[in-house]
Amino acid sequence: MEEDYRQCHNCYNEIEEMICERCRLRQVTSWLQDNNGPWSIQALFFRKLEKKLPRPPYEGYCLICGNELPALCGPCFYQEASFALKEIIENKTWLDSFAKMFKPKHVQLV
């Protein structure tokens, strides 16, 4: 099982940055706050995204917080985040800003 130690559960590519989903979620939440996202949107986004994320099966530690290893690579995480965001808001300016900030490689937002 050693060969798939750092494999993304969505795209099956190697996970290069050992940053957990919680830390990535904090980045997106900060972005929402910086863009004056209402608390109601932030809470709804958090709930929608949390339901979509797989549980990490690996043992190890996040480089930022020291908790679990990620189950998704960065692009797949931000792809899931972009899908959750599109379900909540229709503001093209926000979606463009999200795409510029997080650059989800696997998806086109608009």
C-alpha atoms as a PDB file:
ATOM      1  CA  MET A   1       0.000   0.000   0.000  1.00  0.00           C
ATOM      2  CA  GLU A   2       3.063   2.250   0.150  1.00  0.00           C
ATOM      3  CA  GLU A   3       2.821   3.217  -3.551  1.00  0.00           C
ATOM      4  CA  ASP A   4      -0.554   4.993  -3.133  1.00  0.00           C
ATOM      5  CA  TYR A   5       0.409   6.769   0.088  1.00  0.00           C
ATOM      6  CA  ARG A   6       0.008  10.210  -1.424  1.00  0.00           C
ATOM      7  CA  GLN A   7      -2.637   9.498  -4.048  1.00  0.00           C
ATOM      8  CA  CYS A   8      -5.605  11.849  -4.523  1.00  0.00           C
ATOM      9  CA  HIS A   9      -8.922  10.038  -4.088  1.00  0.00           C
ATOM     10  CA  ASN A  10     -10.508  12.042  -6.876  1.00  0.00           C
ATOM     11  CA  CYS A  11      -8.014  12.228  -9.777  1.00  0.00           C
ATOM     12  CA  TYR A  12      -5.532   9.586  -8.530  1.00  0.00           C
ATOM     13  CA  ASN A  13      -2.586  11.897  -9.150  1.00  0.00           C
ATOM     14  CA  GLU A  14       0.104  12.253  -6.536  1.00  0.00           C
ATOM     15  CA  ILE A  15      -0.665  14.747  -3.777  1.00  0.00           C
ATOM     16  CA  GLU A  16       2.286  17.136  -3.865  1.00  0.00           C
ATOM     17  CA  GLU A  17       1.365  19.513  -1.035  1.00  0.00           C
ATOM     18  CA  MET A  18       0.605  17.824   2.259  1.00  0.00           C
ATOM     19  CA  ILE A  19      -1.986  20.399   3.334  1.00  0.00           C
ATOM     20  CA  CYS A  20      -5.209  19.012   4.811  1.00  0.00           C
ATOM     21  CA  GLU A  21      -8.694  19.919   3.663  1.00  0.00           C
ATOM     22  CA  ARG A  22      -9.363  21.850   6.894  1.00  0.00           C
ATOM     23  CA  CYS A  23      -6.459  24.213   6.205  1.00  0.00           C
ATOM     24  CA  ARG A  24      -7.514  24.668   2.578  1.00  0.00           C
ATOM     25  CA  LEU A  25     -11.056  25.340   3.781  1.00  0.00           C
ATOM     26  CA  ARG A  26      -9.691  28.043   6.096  1.00  0.00           C
ATOM     27  CA  GLN A  27      -8.032  29.659   3.055  1.00  0.00           C
ATOM     28  CA  VAL A  28     -11.324  29.724   1.153  1.00  0.00           C
ATOM     29  CA  THR A  29     -13.204  31.020   4.199  1.00  0.00           C
ATOM     30  CA  SER A  30     -10.661  33.838   4.535  1.00  0.00           C
ATOM     31  CA  TRP A  31     -11.171  34.642   0.861  1.00  0.00           C
ATOM     32  CA  LEU A  32     -14.946  34.804   1.427  1.00  0.00           C
ATOM     33  CA  GLN A  33     -14.438  37.143   4.392  1.00  0.00           C
ATOM     34  CA  ASP A  34     -12.054  39.342   2.389  1.00  0.00           C
ATOM     35  CA  ASN A  35     -14.706  39.595  -0.334  1.00  0.00           C
ATOM     36  CA  ASN A  36     -17.361  40.604   2.208  1.00  0.00           C
ATOM     37  CA  GLY A  37     -19.214  37.321   1.931  1.00  0.00           C
ATOM     38  CA  PRO A  38     -22.144  37.302   4.357  1.00  0.00           C
ATOM     39  CA  TRP A  39     -21.916  34.854   7.249  1.00  0.00           C
ATOM     40  CA  SER A  40     -24.948  33.017   5.897  1.00  0.00           C
ATOM     41  CA  ILE A  41     -23.111  32.291   2.624  1.00  0.00           C
ATOM     42  CA  GLN A  42     -19.964  31.275   4.488  1.00  0.00           C
ATOM     43  CA  ALA A  43     -21.901  28.848   6.697  1.00  0.00           C
ATOM     44  CA  LEU A  44     -23.824  27.361   3.769  1.00  0.00           C
ATOM     45  CA  PHE A  45     -20.624  27.002   1.746  1.00  0.00           C
ATOM     46  CA  PHE A  46     -18.878  25.278   4.646  1.00  0.00           C
ATOM     47  CA  ARG A  47     -21.723  22.770   5.107  1.00  0.00           C
ATOM     48  CA  LYS A  48     -21.989  21.989   1.387  1.00  0.00           C
ATOM     49  CA  LEU A  49     -18.255  21.506   0.964  1.00  0.00           C
ATOM     50  CA  GLU A  50     -17.824  19.480   4.134  1.00  0.00           C
ATOM     51  CA  LYS A  51     -20.357  16.918   2.845  1.00  0.00           C
ATOM     52  CA  LYS A  52     -18.394  16.487  -0.400  1.00  0.00           C
ATOM     53  CA  LEU A  53     -14.972  15.876   1.106  1.00  0.00           C
ATOM     54  CA  PRO A  54     -13.681  12.325   1.601  1.00  0.00           C
ATOM     55  CA  ARG A  55     -12.184  11.273   4.911  1.00  0.00           C
ATOM     56  CA  PRO A  56      -8.394  10.949   4.733  1.00  0.00           C
ATOM     57  CA  PRO A  57      -7.323   7.301   5.006  1.00  0.00           C
ATOM     58  CA  TYR A  58      -3.642   8.039   5.512  1.00  0.00           C
ATOM     59  CA  GLU A  59      -1.674   8.504   8.684  1.00  0.00           C
ATOM     60  CA  GLY A  60       0.632  11.462   8.851  1.00  0.00           C
ATOM     61  CA  TYR A  61       0.526  15.170   9.436  1.00  0.00           C
ATOM     62  CA  CYS A  62      -0.545  18.303   7.595  1.00  0.00           C
ATOM     63  CA  LEU A  63       2.339  20.719   7.030  1.00  0.00           C
ATOM     64  CA  ILE A  64       0.325  23.639   8.398  1.00  0.00           C
ATOM     65  CA  CYS A  65      -1.747  22.376  11.327  1.00  0.00           C
ATOM     66  CA  GLY A  66      -0.233  18.977  12.110  1.00  0.00           C
ATOM     67  CA  ASN A  67      -3.569  17.152  11.752  1.00  0.00           C
ATOM     68  CA  GLU A  68      -4.385  14.453   9.214  1.00  0.00           C
ATOM     69  CA  LEU A  69      -2.974  14.190   5.707  1.00  0.00           C
ATOM     70  CA  PRO A  70      -5.187  15.315   2.823  1.00  0.00           C
ATOM     71  CA  ALA A  71      -7.334  12.927   0.807  1.00  0.00           C
ATOM     72  CA  LEU A  72      -7.499  15.326  -2.169  1.00  0.00           C
ATOM     73  CA  CYS A  73      -4.837  17.185  -4.116  1.00  0.00           C
ATOM     74  CA  GLY A  74      -5.109  20.979  -4.133  1.00  0.00           C
ATOM     75  CA  PRO A  75      -6.716  21.259  -7.599  1.00  0.00           C
ATOM     76  CA  CYS A  76      -9.366  18.650  -6.747  1.00  0.00           C
ATOM     77  CA  PHE A  77     -10.121  20.335  -3.423  1.00  0.00           C
ATOM     78  CA  TYR A  78     -10.545  23.717  -5.130  1.00  0.00           C
ATOM     79  CA  GLN A  79     -12.661  22.051  -7.829  1.00  0.00           C
ATOM     80  CA  GLU A  80     -15.035  20.756  -5.140  1.00  0.00           C
ATOM     81  CA  ALA A  81     -14.971  24.191  -3.492  1.00  0.00           C
ATOM     82  CA  SER A  82     -15.825  25.866  -6.805  1.00  0.00           C
ATOM     83  CA  PHE A  83     -18.774  23.506  -7.344  1.00  0.00           C
ATOM     84  CA  ALA A  84     -20.066  24.253  -3.840  1.00  0.00           C
ATOM     85  CA  LEU A  85     -19.604  27.991  -4.398  1.00  0.00           C
ATOM     86  CA  LYS A  86     -21.457  27.893  -7.728  1.00  0.00           C
ATOM     87  CA  GLU A  87     -24.417  26.203  -6.000  1.00  0.00           C
ATOM     88  CA  ILE A  88     -24.672  29.098  -3.552  1.00  0.00           C
ATOM     89  CA  ILE A  89     -23.874  32.263  -5.504  1.00  0.00           C
ATOM     90  CA  GLU A  90     -24.358  33.491  -9.048  1.00  0.00           C
ATOM     91  CA  ASN A  91     -22.063  36.500  -8.765  1.00  0.00           C
ATOM     92  CA  LYS A  92     -19.707  36.207 -11.765  1.00  0.00           C
ATOM     93  CA  THR A  93     -17.247  38.642 -10.184  1.00  0.00           C
ATOM     94  CA  TRP A  94     -16.862  36.387  -7.135  1.00  0.00           C
ATOM     95  CA  LEU A  95     -16.476  33.274  -9.290  1.00  0.00           C
ATOM     96  CA  ASP A  96     -13.807  35.001 -11.404  1.00  0.00           C
ATOM     97  CA  SER A  97     -12.028  36.161  -8.254  1.00  0.00           C
ATOM     98  CA  PHE A  98     -12.116  32.621  -6.846  1.00  0.00           C
ATOM     99  CA  ALA A  99     -10.686  31.205 -10.085  1.00  0.00           C
ATOM    100  CA  LYS A 100      -7.855  33.766 -10.082  1.00  0.00           C
ATOM    101  CA  MET A 101      -7.041  33.204  -6.430  1.00  0.00           C
ATOM    102  CA  PHE A 102      -7.158  29.404  -6.233  1.00  0.00           C
ATOM    103  CA  LYS A 103      -6.725  28.343  -9.873  1.00  0.00           C
ATOM    104  CA  PRO A 104      -8.683  25.073  -9.845  1.00  0.00           C
ATOM    105  CA  LYS A 105      -6.998  23.248 -12.741  1.00  0.00           C
ATOM    106  CA  HIS A 106      -9.675  20.638 -13.277  1.00  0.00           C
ATOM    107  CA  VAL A 107     -12.653  22.923 -13.836  1.00  0.00           C
ATOM    108  CA  GLN A 108     -13.815  26.061 -15.609  1.00  0.00           C
ATOM    109  CA  LEU A 109     -16.026  28.169 -13.359  1.00  0.00           C
ATOM    110  CA  VAL A 110     -17.721  30.409 -15.909  1.00  0.00           C
END
